Amino acid sequence: MAGASFAEAVLATRNAGKIRELESLLAESLGPVRVLSAADAGLPDVVEDGTTFAENALLKARSAAAHSELPAFADDSGLAVDVMNGAPGIFSARWSGVHGDDAANNALLLAQLADVPDAHRGAAFVCAAAFVAPDGTEVVREGRFTGTLLREPRGEDGFGYDPLFLPDGSSLTAGEMGPARKNAISHRALAFRALLGVIA
């Protein structure tokens, strides 16, 4: 769908930070585009019952496009740990059993990795970004932010597993580098830039 042009789009999220980030990325590729949030567009909640990040991102983008009749974007992301065969993966936000309990999720992950040597603590934040146009066109691209998991959290910025995640080539964890720096190199930025490289 190279050469896309639109003045308005919807992002299937209620996260204001994600809205600003997508508006900035769209402006780089397409010029100014107003991005509506799920709340602004009155989107219904979507049951994310896919088995991959890509499937869940597409579920949200398809629903957003159908209900808003606008070009729609969505993403799904999480942490994939090498020695855990990609877990927690799509269950990252509720790994400890309670959705969004960052402290409990981090504590459980650290306990599960307690006996894993530093050399084998590789992991990646993974994001699938999806685009669905009102005409039915669908595009999905993935971004990976690779690094190593520490044995104790460092940093107060970020959320989720950020304080445990030391990106490759960095002396700062994702919880120490601040949102602007992290967002420039993150899995989400990489996924959306790859996606926009296809549709722009």
N, C-alpha and C. Protein backbone atom coordinates (compact mmCIF):
# COMPACT_ATOMS: atom_id res chain seq x y z
N MET A 1 0.84 -1.21 0.00
CA MET A 1 0.00 0.00 0.00
C MET A 1 0.86 1.24 0.00
N ALA A 2 1.97 1.21 -0.68
CA ALA A 2 2.86 2.37 -0.74
C ALA A 2 2.11 3.56 -1.29
N GLY A 3 2.42 4.74 -0.76
CA GLY A 3 1.80 5.96 -1.24
C GLY A 3 0.50 6.30 -0.53
N ALA A 4 0.26 5.70 0.63
CA ALA A 4 -0.95 6.01 1.39
C ALA A 4 -1.00 7.47 1.76
N SER A 5 -2.20 8.01 1.80
CA SER A 5 -2.38 9.40 2.19
C SER A 5 -3.70 9.53 2.92
N PHE A 6 -3.66 10.03 4.13
CA PHE A 6 -4.90 10.25 4.88
C PHE A 6 -4.63 11.32 5.94
N ALA A 7 -5.68 12.03 6.31
CA ALA A 7 -5.55 13.12 7.27
C ALA A 7 -5.90 12.70 8.68
N GLU A 8 -6.57 11.55 8.81
CA GLU A 8 -7.03 11.11 10.11
C GLU A 8 -6.94 9.59 10.19
N ALA A 9 -6.59 9.10 11.35
CA ALA A 9 -6.48 7.66 11.58
C ALA A 9 -6.87 7.39 13.02
N VAL A 10 -7.04 6.13 13.35
CA VAL A 10 -7.36 5.75 14.72
C VAL A 10 -6.32 4.74 15.20
N LEU A 11 -5.94 4.86 16.46
CA LEU A 11 -5.02 3.91 17.08
C LEU A 11 -5.78 3.21 18.19
N ALA A 12 -5.84 1.89 18.14
CA ALA A 12 -6.62 1.11 19.09
C ALA A 12 -5.91 1.05 20.44
N THR A 13 -5.90 2.17 21.13
CA THR A 13 -5.32 2.26 22.46
C THR A 13 -5.96 3.43 23.19
N ARG A 14 -5.90 3.39 24.51
CA ARG A 14 -6.33 4.52 25.33
C ARG A 14 -5.12 5.20 25.97
N ASN A 15 -3.92 4.82 25.51
CA ASN A 15 -2.67 5.33 26.04
C ASN A 15 -2.28 6.62 25.30
N ALA A 16 -2.32 7.75 25.99
CA ALA A 16 -2.04 9.04 25.36
C ALA A 16 -0.61 9.11 24.83
N GLY A 17 0.32 8.45 25.52
CA GLY A 17 1.71 8.45 25.06
C GLY A 17 1.87 7.76 23.73
N LYS A 18 1.15 6.65 23.53
CA LYS A 18 1.21 5.95 22.25
C LYS A 18 0.62 6.79 21.12
N ILE A 19 -0.44 7.54 21.43
CA ILE A 19 -1.06 8.41 20.43
C ILE A 19 -0.05 9.46 19.96
N ARG A 20 0.61 10.12 20.90
CA ARG A 20 1.61 11.14 20.54
C ARG A 20 2.75 10.53 19.74
N GLU A 21 3.19 9.34 20.14
CA GLU A 21 4.29 8.69 19.45
C GLU A 21 3.91 8.37 18.01
N LEU A 22 2.69 7.84 17.80
CA LEU A 22 2.28 7.51 16.43
C LEU A 22 2.09 8.76 15.59
N GLU A 23 1.54 9.82 16.17
CA GLU A 23 1.40 11.07 15.41
C GLU A 23 2.75 11.57 14.93
N SER A 24 3.76 11.47 15.79
CA SER A 24 5.10 11.90 15.42
C SER A 24 5.67 11.03 14.30
N LEU A 25 5.50 9.71 14.42
CA LEU A 25 6.01 8.80 13.40
C LEU A 25 5.28 8.99 12.07
N LEU A 26 3.97 9.21 12.12
CA LEU A 26 3.21 9.44 10.90
C LEU A 26 3.64 10.74 10.23
N ALA A 27 3.91 11.76 11.04
CA ALA A 27 4.33 13.04 10.48
C ALA A 27 5.65 12.90 9.72
N GLU A 28 6.55 12.02 10.23
CA GLU A 28 7.82 11.79 9.53
C GLU A 28 7.60 11.21 8.14
N SER A 29 6.57 10.35 8.00
CA SER A 29 6.36 9.61 6.75
C SER A 29 5.28 10.19 5.85
N LEU A 30 4.21 10.71 6.46
CA LEU A 30 3.04 11.10 5.67
C LEU A 30 2.66 12.57 5.81
N GLY A 31 3.36 13.30 6.69
CA GLY A 31 2.92 14.65 7.00
C GLY A 31 1.93 14.60 8.16
N PRO A 32 1.35 15.74 8.53
CA PRO A 32 0.46 15.79 9.69
C PRO A 32 -0.75 14.87 9.53
N VAL A 33 -0.96 14.02 10.53
CA VAL A 33 -2.12 13.13 10.57
C VAL A 33 -2.69 13.19 11.99
N ARG A 34 -3.98 13.46 12.09
CA ARG A 34 -4.63 13.46 13.41
C ARG A 34 -4.94 12.03 13.78
N VAL A 35 -4.49 11.62 14.97
CA VAL A 35 -4.70 10.25 15.43
C VAL A 35 -5.71 10.25 16.57
N LEU A 36 -6.79 9.51 16.39
CA LEU A 36 -7.81 9.39 17.42
C LEU A 36 -7.50 8.19 18.31
N SER A 37 -7.77 8.32 19.58
CA SER A 37 -7.62 7.18 20.50
C SER A 37 -8.86 6.30 20.44
N ALA A 38 -8.77 5.13 21.06
CA ALA A 38 -9.92 4.24 21.13
C ALA A 38 -11.10 4.93 21.82
N ALA A 39 -10.79 5.73 22.85
CA ALA A 39 -11.85 6.45 23.55
C ALA A 39 -12.48 7.51 22.65
N ASP A 40 -11.63 8.30 21.95
CA ASP A 40 -12.14 9.34 21.06
C ASP A 40 -13.05 8.76 19.98
N ALA A 41 -12.69 7.59 19.47
CA ALA A 41 -13.44 6.97 18.37
C ALA A 41 -14.57 6.08 18.87
N GLY A 42 -14.71 5.94 20.19
CA GLY A 42 -15.76 5.10 20.75
C GLY A 42 -15.61 3.64 20.41
N LEU A 43 -14.37 3.16 20.39
CA LEU A 43 -14.13 1.76 20.01
C LEU A 43 -14.49 0.82 21.15
N PRO A 44 -15.06 -0.34 20.81
CA PRO A 44 -15.34 -1.34 21.85
C PRO A 44 -14.06 -2.05 22.27
N ASP A 45 -14.07 -2.63 23.45
CA ASP A 45 -12.94 -3.45 23.88
C ASP A 45 -12.89 -4.71 23.02
N VAL A 46 -11.69 -5.20 22.78
CA VAL A 46 -11.50 -6.38 21.94
C VAL A 46 -10.91 -7.49 22.79
N VAL A 47 -11.45 -8.68 22.67
CA VAL A 47 -10.88 -9.85 23.35
C VAL A 47 -9.63 -10.27 22.58
N GLU A 48 -8.49 -10.18 23.25
CA GLU A 48 -7.21 -10.51 22.60
C GLU A 48 -6.93 -12.00 22.81
N ASP A 49 -7.55 -12.81 21.97
CA ASP A 49 -7.41 -14.25 22.13
C ASP A 49 -6.53 -14.89 21.05
N GLY A 50 -5.72 -14.07 20.40
CA GLY A 50 -4.75 -14.61 19.46
C GLY A 50 -3.62 -15.31 20.20
N THR A 51 -2.83 -16.08 19.46
CA THR A 51 -1.72 -16.81 20.08
C THR A 51 -0.37 -16.16 19.77
N THR A 52 -0.38 -15.06 19.01
CA THR A 52 0.85 -14.34 18.70
C THR A 52 0.60 -12.85 18.84
N PHE A 53 1.68 -12.08 18.93
CA PHE A 53 1.56 -10.62 18.96
C PHE A 53 0.86 -10.13 17.70
N ALA A 54 1.23 -10.68 16.55
CA ALA A 54 0.65 -10.24 15.28
C ALA A 54 -0.86 -10.48 15.24
N GLU A 55 -1.29 -11.65 15.71
CA GLU A 55 -2.72 -11.96 15.69
C GLU A 55 -3.50 -10.98 16.58
N ASN A 56 -2.98 -10.68 17.76
CA ASN A 56 -3.67 -9.77 18.66
C ASN A 56 -3.69 -8.34 18.11
N ALA A 57 -2.58 -7.91 17.51
CA ALA A 57 -2.55 -6.57 16.92
C ALA A 57 -3.57 -6.46 15.79
N LEU A 58 -3.67 -7.48 14.96
CA LEU A 58 -4.64 -7.47 13.86
C LEU A 58 -6.08 -7.49 14.37
N LEU A 59 -6.36 -8.24 15.42
CA LEU A 59 -7.70 -8.25 15.99
C LEU A 59 -8.13 -6.83 16.37
N LYS A 60 -7.22 -6.11 17.02
CA LYS A 60 -7.55 -4.75 17.46
C LYS A 60 -7.66 -3.78 16.28
N ALA A 61 -6.76 -3.90 15.31
CA ALA A 61 -6.79 -2.99 14.16
C ALA A 61 -8.03 -3.24 13.30
N ARG A 62 -8.39 -4.50 13.09
CA ARG A 62 -9.59 -4.82 12.30
C ARG A 62 -10.84 -4.24 12.96
N SER A 63 -10.96 -4.43 14.26
CA SER A 63 -12.11 -3.90 14.98
C SER A 63 -12.16 -2.38 14.89
N ALA A 64 -10.99 -1.74 15.05
CA ALA A 64 -10.94 -0.28 15.00
C ALA A 64 -11.33 0.24 13.62
N ALA A 65 -10.85 -0.40 12.57
CA ALA A 65 -11.19 0.03 11.21
C ALA A 65 -12.67 -0.17 10.93
N ALA A 66 -13.21 -1.29 11.38
CA ALA A 66 -14.63 -1.58 11.13
C ALA A 66 -15.55 -0.60 11.84
N HIS A 67 -15.20 -0.23 13.07
CA HIS A 67 -16.08 0.64 13.85
C HIS A 67 -15.89 2.12 13.53
N SER A 68 -14.70 2.51 13.15
CA SER A 68 -14.44 3.93 12.90
C SER A 68 -14.54 4.31 11.42
N GLU A 69 -14.42 3.30 10.54
CA GLU A 69 -14.36 3.53 9.08
C GLU A 69 -13.19 4.45 8.72
N LEU A 70 -12.13 4.37 9.52
CA LEU A 70 -10.90 5.12 9.29
C LEU A 70 -9.73 4.14 9.18
N PRO A 71 -8.61 4.56 8.58
CA PRO A 71 -7.40 3.74 8.65
C PRO A 71 -7.07 3.51 10.12
N ALA A 72 -6.75 2.28 10.45
CA ALA A 72 -6.57 1.94 11.87
C ALA A 72 -5.23 1.28 12.12
N PHE A 73 -4.64 1.63 13.25
CA PHE A 73 -3.38 1.06 13.71
C PHE A 73 -3.60 0.41 15.07
N ALA A 74 -2.82 -0.62 15.36
CA ALA A 74 -2.83 -1.24 16.68
C ALA A 74 -1.50 -1.95 16.87
N ASP A 75 -1.18 -2.23 18.12
CA ASP A 75 0.03 -3.00 18.38
C ASP A 75 -0.20 -3.94 19.55
N ASP A 76 0.64 -4.95 19.61
CA ASP A 76 0.66 -5.84 20.76
C ASP A 76 2.13 -6.15 21.03
N SER A 77 2.49 -6.18 22.29
CA SER A 77 3.90 -6.34 22.60
C SER A 77 4.10 -7.05 23.93
N GLY A 78 5.34 -7.48 24.15
CA GLY A 78 5.67 -8.14 25.40
C GLY A 78 7.14 -8.53 25.42
N LEU A 79 7.51 -9.23 26.46
CA LEU A 79 8.89 -9.66 26.66
C LEU A 79 9.04 -11.13 26.30
N ALA A 80 10.06 -11.43 25.50
CA ALA A 80 10.36 -12.81 25.12
C ALA A 80 11.74 -13.17 25.66
N VAL A 81 11.78 -14.13 26.58
CA VAL A 81 13.03 -14.54 27.22
C VAL A 81 13.57 -15.78 26.52
N ASP A 82 14.84 -15.73 26.12
CA ASP A 82 15.43 -16.81 25.33
C ASP A 82 15.29 -18.18 25.99
N VAL A 83 15.71 -18.30 27.26
CA VAL A 83 15.71 -19.62 27.91
C VAL A 83 14.32 -20.08 28.32
N MET A 84 13.33 -19.22 28.13
CA MET A 84 11.94 -19.58 28.45
C MET A 84 11.13 -19.78 27.16
N ASN A 85 11.85 -20.03 26.06
CA ASN A 85 11.19 -20.29 24.78
C ASN A 85 10.22 -19.18 24.37
N GLY A 86 10.60 -17.93 24.67
CA GLY A 86 9.79 -16.79 24.26
C GLY A 86 8.75 -16.34 25.26
N ALA A 87 8.61 -17.04 26.38
CA ALA A 87 7.70 -16.60 27.44
C ALA A 87 8.38 -15.42 28.18
N PRO A 88 7.60 -14.57 28.83
CA PRO A 88 6.15 -14.60 28.98
C PRO A 88 5.36 -14.23 27.71
N GLY A 89 6.00 -13.62 26.73
CA GLY A 89 5.36 -13.38 25.44
C GLY A 89 4.05 -12.62 25.54
N ILE A 90 2.99 -13.16 24.90
CA ILE A 90 1.70 -12.45 24.89
C ILE A 90 1.07 -12.37 26.28
N PHE A 91 1.62 -13.12 27.24
CA PHE A 91 1.10 -13.08 28.60
C PHE A 91 1.92 -12.15 29.51
N SER A 92 2.78 -11.33 28.93
CA SER A 92 3.70 -10.50 29.72
C SER A 92 3.00 -9.64 30.76
N ALA A 93 1.92 -8.99 30.39
CA ALA A 93 1.26 -8.06 31.31
C ALA A 93 0.57 -8.76 32.46
N ARG A 94 0.28 -10.04 32.31
CA ARG A 94 -0.43 -10.77 33.37
C ARG A 94 0.33 -12.04 33.78
N TRP A 95 1.65 -12.00 33.69
CA TRP A 95 2.47 -13.17 33.95
C TRP A 95 2.27 -13.71 35.36
N SER A 96 2.08 -12.82 36.32
CA SER A 96 1.91 -13.25 37.71
C SER A 96 0.46 -13.58 38.04
N GLY A 97 -0.43 -13.41 37.06
CA GLY A 97 -1.84 -13.71 37.29
C GLY A 97 -2.73 -12.50 37.43
N VAL A 98 -2.13 -11.33 37.66
CA VAL A 98 -2.91 -10.09 37.79
C VAL A 98 -2.44 -9.13 36.71
N HIS A 99 -3.35 -8.72 35.83
CA HIS A 99 -2.97 -7.87 34.70
C HIS A 99 -2.40 -6.55 35.19
N GLY A 100 -1.21 -6.22 34.68
CA GLY A 100 -0.63 -4.92 34.96
C GLY A 100 0.09 -4.78 36.29
N ASP A 101 0.26 -5.85 37.05
CA ASP A 101 0.97 -5.76 38.33
C ASP A 101 2.47 -5.91 38.05
N ASP A 102 3.11 -4.79 37.74
CA ASP A 102 4.51 -4.82 37.32
C ASP A 102 5.42 -5.44 38.37
N ALA A 103 5.22 -5.07 39.63
CA ALA A 103 6.10 -5.57 40.69
C ALA A 103 5.99 -7.09 40.81
N ALA A 104 4.77 -7.61 40.76
CA ALA A 104 4.58 -9.06 40.86
C ALA A 104 5.12 -9.78 39.63
N ASN A 105 4.92 -9.20 38.46
CA ASN A 105 5.44 -9.81 37.23
C ASN A 105 6.96 -9.89 37.26
N ASN A 106 7.59 -8.79 37.68
CA ASN A 106 9.05 -8.77 37.75
C ASN A 106 9.58 -9.75 38.78
N ALA A 107 8.92 -9.80 39.93
CA ALA A 107 9.36 -10.71 40.99
C ALA A 107 9.26 -12.17 40.54
N LEU A 108 8.17 -12.52 39.86
CA LEU A 108 8.02 -13.89 39.39
C LEU A 108 9.07 -14.22 38.35
N LEU A 109 9.30 -13.31 37.42
CA LEU A 109 10.30 -13.56 36.38
C LEU A 109 11.69 -13.74 36.99
N LEU A 110 12.05 -12.89 37.93
CA LEU A 110 13.36 -13.02 38.58
C LEU A 110 13.49 -14.37 39.30
N ALA A 111 12.42 -14.79 39.93
CA ALA A 111 12.47 -16.09 40.62
C ALA A 111 12.65 -17.23 39.63
N GLN A 112 11.97 -17.13 38.49
CA GLN A 112 12.08 -18.19 37.48
C GLN A 112 13.47 -18.24 36.85
N LEU A 113 14.17 -17.11 36.85
CA LEU A 113 15.50 -17.04 36.23
C LEU A 113 16.63 -17.08 37.25
N ALA A 114 16.31 -17.33 38.49
CA ALA A 114 17.30 -17.23 39.57
C ALA A 114 18.55 -18.07 39.31
N ASP A 115 18.41 -19.25 38.74
CA ASP A 115 19.54 -20.15 38.53
C ASP A 115 20.15 -20.05 37.13
N VAL A 116 19.66 -19.10 36.35
CA VAL A 116 20.16 -18.95 34.97
C VAL A 116 21.40 -18.06 34.97
N PRO A 117 22.53 -18.54 34.44
CA PRO A 117 23.76 -17.73 34.41
C PRO A 117 23.58 -16.46 33.59
N ASP A 118 24.38 -15.46 33.91
CA ASP A 118 24.28 -14.17 33.21
C ASP A 118 24.41 -14.33 31.70
N ALA A 119 25.24 -15.24 31.26
CA ALA A 119 25.49 -15.42 29.83
C ALA A 119 24.26 -15.94 29.08
N HIS A 120 23.29 -16.44 29.81
CA HIS A 120 22.11 -17.03 29.16
C HIS A 120 20.82 -16.27 29.51
N ARG A 121 20.96 -15.00 29.88
CA ARG A 121 19.79 -14.21 30.28
C ARG A 121 19.34 -13.26 29.18
N GLY A 122 19.58 -13.65 27.93
CA GLY A 122 19.16 -12.83 26.79
C GLY A 122 17.64 -12.76 26.68
N ALA A 123 17.16 -11.63 26.19
CA ALA A 123 15.72 -11.44 26.03
C ALA A 123 15.49 -10.34 24.99
N ALA A 124 14.26 -10.18 24.59
CA ALA A 124 13.90 -9.11 23.67
C ALA A 124 12.49 -8.64 23.97
N PHE A 125 12.30 -7.34 23.93
CA PHE A 125 10.96 -6.81 23.86
C PHE A 125 10.53 -6.92 22.40
N VAL A 126 9.35 -7.44 22.17
CA VAL A 126 8.85 -7.67 20.81
C VAL A 126 7.53 -6.91 20.64
N CYS A 127 7.39 -6.25 19.50
CA CYS A 127 6.14 -5.55 19.20
C CYS A 127 5.71 -5.90 17.78
N ALA A 128 4.44 -6.22 17.63
CA ALA A 128 3.83 -6.34 16.31
C ALA A 128 2.92 -5.14 16.12
N ALA A 129 3.14 -4.39 15.04
CA ALA A 129 2.31 -3.24 14.70
C ALA A 129 1.47 -3.60 13.48
N ALA A 130 0.19 -3.31 13.56
CA ALA A 130 -0.73 -3.67 12.48
C ALA A 130 -1.43 -2.44 11.93
N PHE A 131 -1.68 -2.47 10.63
CA PHE A 131 -2.45 -1.42 9.94
C PHE A 131 -3.56 -2.09 9.14
N VAL A 132 -4.77 -1.58 9.31
CA VAL A 132 -5.90 -2.07 8.52
C VAL A 132 -6.63 -0.87 7.93
N ALA A 133 -6.78 -0.86 6.61
CA ALA A 133 -7.47 0.22 5.92
C ALA A 133 -8.95 -0.14 5.75
N PRO A 134 -9.80 0.86 5.59
CA PRO A 134 -11.23 0.58 5.39
C PRO A 134 -11.51 -0.32 4.18
N ASP A 135 -10.59 -0.33 3.20
CA ASP A 135 -10.80 -1.20 2.02
C ASP A 135 -10.37 -2.65 2.27
N GLY A 136 -9.91 -2.94 3.49
CA GLY A 136 -9.53 -4.30 3.83
C GLY A 136 -8.05 -4.59 3.74
N THR A 137 -7.26 -3.64 3.26
CA THR A 137 -5.81 -3.83 3.21
C THR A 137 -5.26 -4.03 4.62
N GLU A 138 -4.38 -5.03 4.79
CA GLU A 138 -3.79 -5.32 6.09
C GLU A 138 -2.27 -5.46 5.96
N VAL A 139 -1.56 -4.85 6.88
CA VAL A 139 -0.10 -4.96 6.92
C VAL A 139 0.33 -5.12 8.38
N VAL A 140 1.25 -6.02 8.63
CA VAL A 140 1.80 -6.21 9.98
C VAL A 140 3.32 -6.25 9.87
N ARG A 141 3.98 -5.57 10.79
CA ARG A 141 5.43 -5.62 10.87
C ARG A 141 5.85 -5.75 12.33
N GLU A 142 7.01 -6.38 12.56
CA GLU A 142 7.48 -6.64 13.92
C GLU A 142 8.78 -5.91 14.20
N GLY A 143 8.93 -5.48 15.43
CA GLY A 143 10.17 -4.87 15.89
C GLY A 143 10.68 -5.60 17.12
N ARG A 144 12.00 -5.77 17.22
CA ARG A 144 12.62 -6.44 18.37
C ARG A 144 13.67 -5.54 18.99
N PHE A 145 13.62 -5.40 20.30
CA PHE A 145 14.53 -4.58 21.09
C PHE A 145 15.28 -5.55 21.99
N THR A 146 16.51 -5.88 21.62
CA THR A 146 17.22 -6.98 22.28
C THR A 146 18.11 -6.50 23.43
N GLY A 147 18.31 -7.42 24.39
CA GLY A 147 19.14 -7.08 25.53
C GLY A 147 19.30 -8.26 26.48
N THR A 148 19.57 -7.94 27.73
CA THR A 148 19.83 -8.93 28.78
C THR A 148 19.02 -8.58 30.01
N LEU A 149 18.58 -9.59 30.73
CA LEU A 149 17.83 -9.37 31.96
C LEU A 149 18.77 -9.38 33.17
N LEU A 150 18.66 -8.33 33.97
CA LEU A 150 19.49 -8.21 35.17
C LEU A 150 18.90 -9.05 36.30
N ARG A 151 19.61 -9.07 37.42
CA ARG A 151 19.16 -9.85 38.58
C ARG A 151 18.38 -9.01 39.59
N GLU A 152 18.37 -7.71 39.39
CA GLU A 152 17.55 -6.83 40.23
C GLU A 152 17.21 -5.58 39.42
N PRO A 153 16.07 -4.96 39.69
CA PRO A 153 15.65 -3.81 38.90
C PRO A 153 16.53 -2.58 39.13
N ARG A 154 16.64 -1.77 38.06
CA ARG A 154 17.35 -0.49 38.13
C ARG A 154 16.55 0.55 37.36
N GLY A 155 16.25 1.66 38.02
CA GLY A 155 15.59 2.77 37.35
C GLY A 155 14.11 2.89 37.69
N GLU A 156 13.65 4.14 37.70
CA GLU A 156 12.25 4.42 38.06
C GLU A 156 11.41 4.81 36.85
N ASP A 157 12.05 5.00 35.70
CA ASP A 157 11.31 5.36 34.49
C ASP A 157 10.75 4.10 33.84
N GLY A 158 9.90 4.29 32.88
CA GLY A 158 9.37 3.16 32.15
C GLY A 158 8.31 2.42 32.95
N PHE A 159 8.01 1.22 32.51
CA PHE A 159 6.98 0.41 33.14
C PHE A 159 7.25 -1.05 32.78
N GLY A 160 6.43 -1.93 33.31
CA GLY A 160 6.58 -3.34 32.99
C GLY A 160 7.95 -3.87 33.41
N TYR A 161 8.62 -4.52 32.47
CA TYR A 161 9.91 -5.14 32.75
C TYR A 161 11.10 -4.21 32.47
N ASP A 162 10.83 -2.94 32.18
CA ASP A 162 11.90 -2.00 31.83
C ASP A 162 13.06 -1.97 32.82
N PRO A 163 12.80 -1.96 34.14
CA PRO A 163 13.92 -1.87 35.09
C PRO A 163 14.84 -3.09 35.10
N LEU A 164 14.38 -4.21 34.56
CA LEU A 164 15.21 -5.43 34.52
C LEU A 164 15.96 -5.57 33.19
N PHE A 165 15.59 -4.75 32.20
CA PHE A 165 16.05 -4.97 30.83
C PHE A 165 17.20 -4.02 30.47
N LEU A 166 18.38 -4.61 30.21
CA LEU A 166 19.55 -3.83 29.79
C LEU A 166 19.71 -4.01 28.28
N PRO A 167 19.37 -2.98 27.50
CA PRO A 167 19.47 -3.10 26.04
C PRO A 167 20.91 -3.35 25.59
N ASP A 168 21.06 -4.10 24.51
CA ASP A 168 22.39 -4.35 23.95
C ASP A 168 23.09 -3.03 23.68
N GLY A 169 24.37 -2.94 24.12
CA GLY A 169 25.17 -1.75 23.86
C GLY A 169 24.88 -0.58 24.77
N SER A 170 24.05 -0.76 25.78
CA SER A 170 23.68 0.32 26.69
C SER A 170 24.19 0.05 28.10
N SER A 171 24.54 1.11 28.80
CA SER A 171 24.90 0.97 30.21
C SER A 171 23.71 1.29 31.10
N LEU A 172 22.62 1.73 30.50
CA LEU A 172 21.40 2.08 31.22
C LEU A 172 20.30 1.08 30.90
N THR A 173 19.53 0.71 31.92
CA THR A 173 18.37 -0.14 31.67
C THR A 173 17.29 0.68 30.97
N ALA A 174 16.29 -0.01 30.45
CA ALA A 174 15.16 0.69 29.84
C ALA A 174 14.39 1.49 30.87
N GLY A 175 14.59 1.18 32.14
CA GLY A 175 13.97 1.93 33.22
C GLY A 175 14.79 3.11 33.68
N GLU A 176 16.00 3.26 33.14
CA GLU A 176 16.87 4.38 33.51
C GLU A 176 17.02 5.41 32.40
N MET A 177 16.75 5.02 31.16
CA MET A 177 17.09 5.91 30.05
C MET A 177 16.04 6.96 29.73
N GLY A 178 14.88 6.88 30.37
CA GLY A 178 13.86 7.89 30.12
C GLY A 178 13.05 7.59 28.88
N PRO A 179 11.79 8.05 28.85
CA PRO A 179 10.89 7.69 27.77
C PRO A 179 11.31 8.18 26.39
N ALA A 180 11.84 9.38 26.28
CA ALA A 180 12.20 9.92 24.96
C ALA A 180 13.30 9.08 24.32
N ARG A 181 14.33 8.78 25.09
CA ARG A 181 15.45 7.99 24.56
C ARG A 181 15.01 6.56 24.25
N LYS A 182 14.24 5.97 25.18
CA LYS A 182 13.79 4.60 24.98
C LYS A 182 12.87 4.49 23.76
N ASN A 183 11.94 5.43 23.64
CA ASN A 183 10.98 5.36 22.53
C ASN A 183 11.64 5.49 21.17
N ALA A 184 12.79 6.14 21.11
CA ALA A 184 13.48 6.32 19.83
C ALA A 184 14.07 5.01 19.32
N ILE A 185 14.34 4.07 20.22
CA ILE A 185 15.01 2.83 19.81
C ILE A 185 14.22 1.58 20.17
N SER A 186 13.02 1.77 20.69
CA SER A 186 12.26 0.65 21.24
C SER A 186 11.67 -0.26 20.17
N HIS A 187 11.21 -1.41 20.62
CA HIS A 187 10.53 -2.37 19.76
C HIS A 187 9.31 -1.75 19.08
N ARG A 188 8.60 -0.88 19.81
CA ARG A 188 7.40 -0.25 19.23
C ARG A 188 7.78 0.70 18.11
N ALA A 189 8.80 1.53 18.36
CA ALA A 189 9.25 2.45 17.32
C ALA A 189 9.74 1.70 16.09
N LEU A 190 10.51 0.63 16.32
CA LEU A 190 11.02 -0.16 15.19
C LEU A 190 9.88 -0.79 14.39
N ALA A 191 8.88 -1.31 15.10
CA ALA A 191 7.75 -1.95 14.42
C ALA A 191 6.95 -0.95 13.61
N PHE A 192 6.65 0.21 14.20
CA PHE A 192 5.84 1.19 13.47
C PHE A 192 6.62 1.83 12.34
N ARG A 193 7.93 2.03 12.51
CA ARG A 193 8.71 2.56 11.39
C ARG A 193 8.74 1.57 10.23
N ALA A 194 8.87 0.28 10.54
CA ALA A 194 8.84 -0.74 9.49
C ALA A 194 7.48 -0.76 8.81
N LEU A 195 6.43 -0.64 9.59
CA LEU A 195 5.08 -0.62 9.04
C LEU A 195 4.86 0.58 8.14
N LEU A 196 5.27 1.74 8.60
CA LEU A 196 5.08 2.95 7.81
C LEU A 196 5.96 2.95 6.57
N GLY A 197 7.09 2.24 6.63
CA GLY A 197 7.92 2.11 5.44
C GLY A 197 7.23 1.37 4.32
N VAL A 198 6.23 0.54 4.66
CA VAL A 198 5.48 -0.21 3.67
C VAL A 198 4.31 0.61 3.13
N ILE A 199 3.60 1.31 4.02
CA ILE A 199 2.37 1.99 3.59
C ILE A 199 2.58 3.42 3.13
N ALA A 200 3.68 4.05 3.53
CA ALA A 200 3.87 5.47 3.18
C ALA A 200 4.26 5.66 1.72
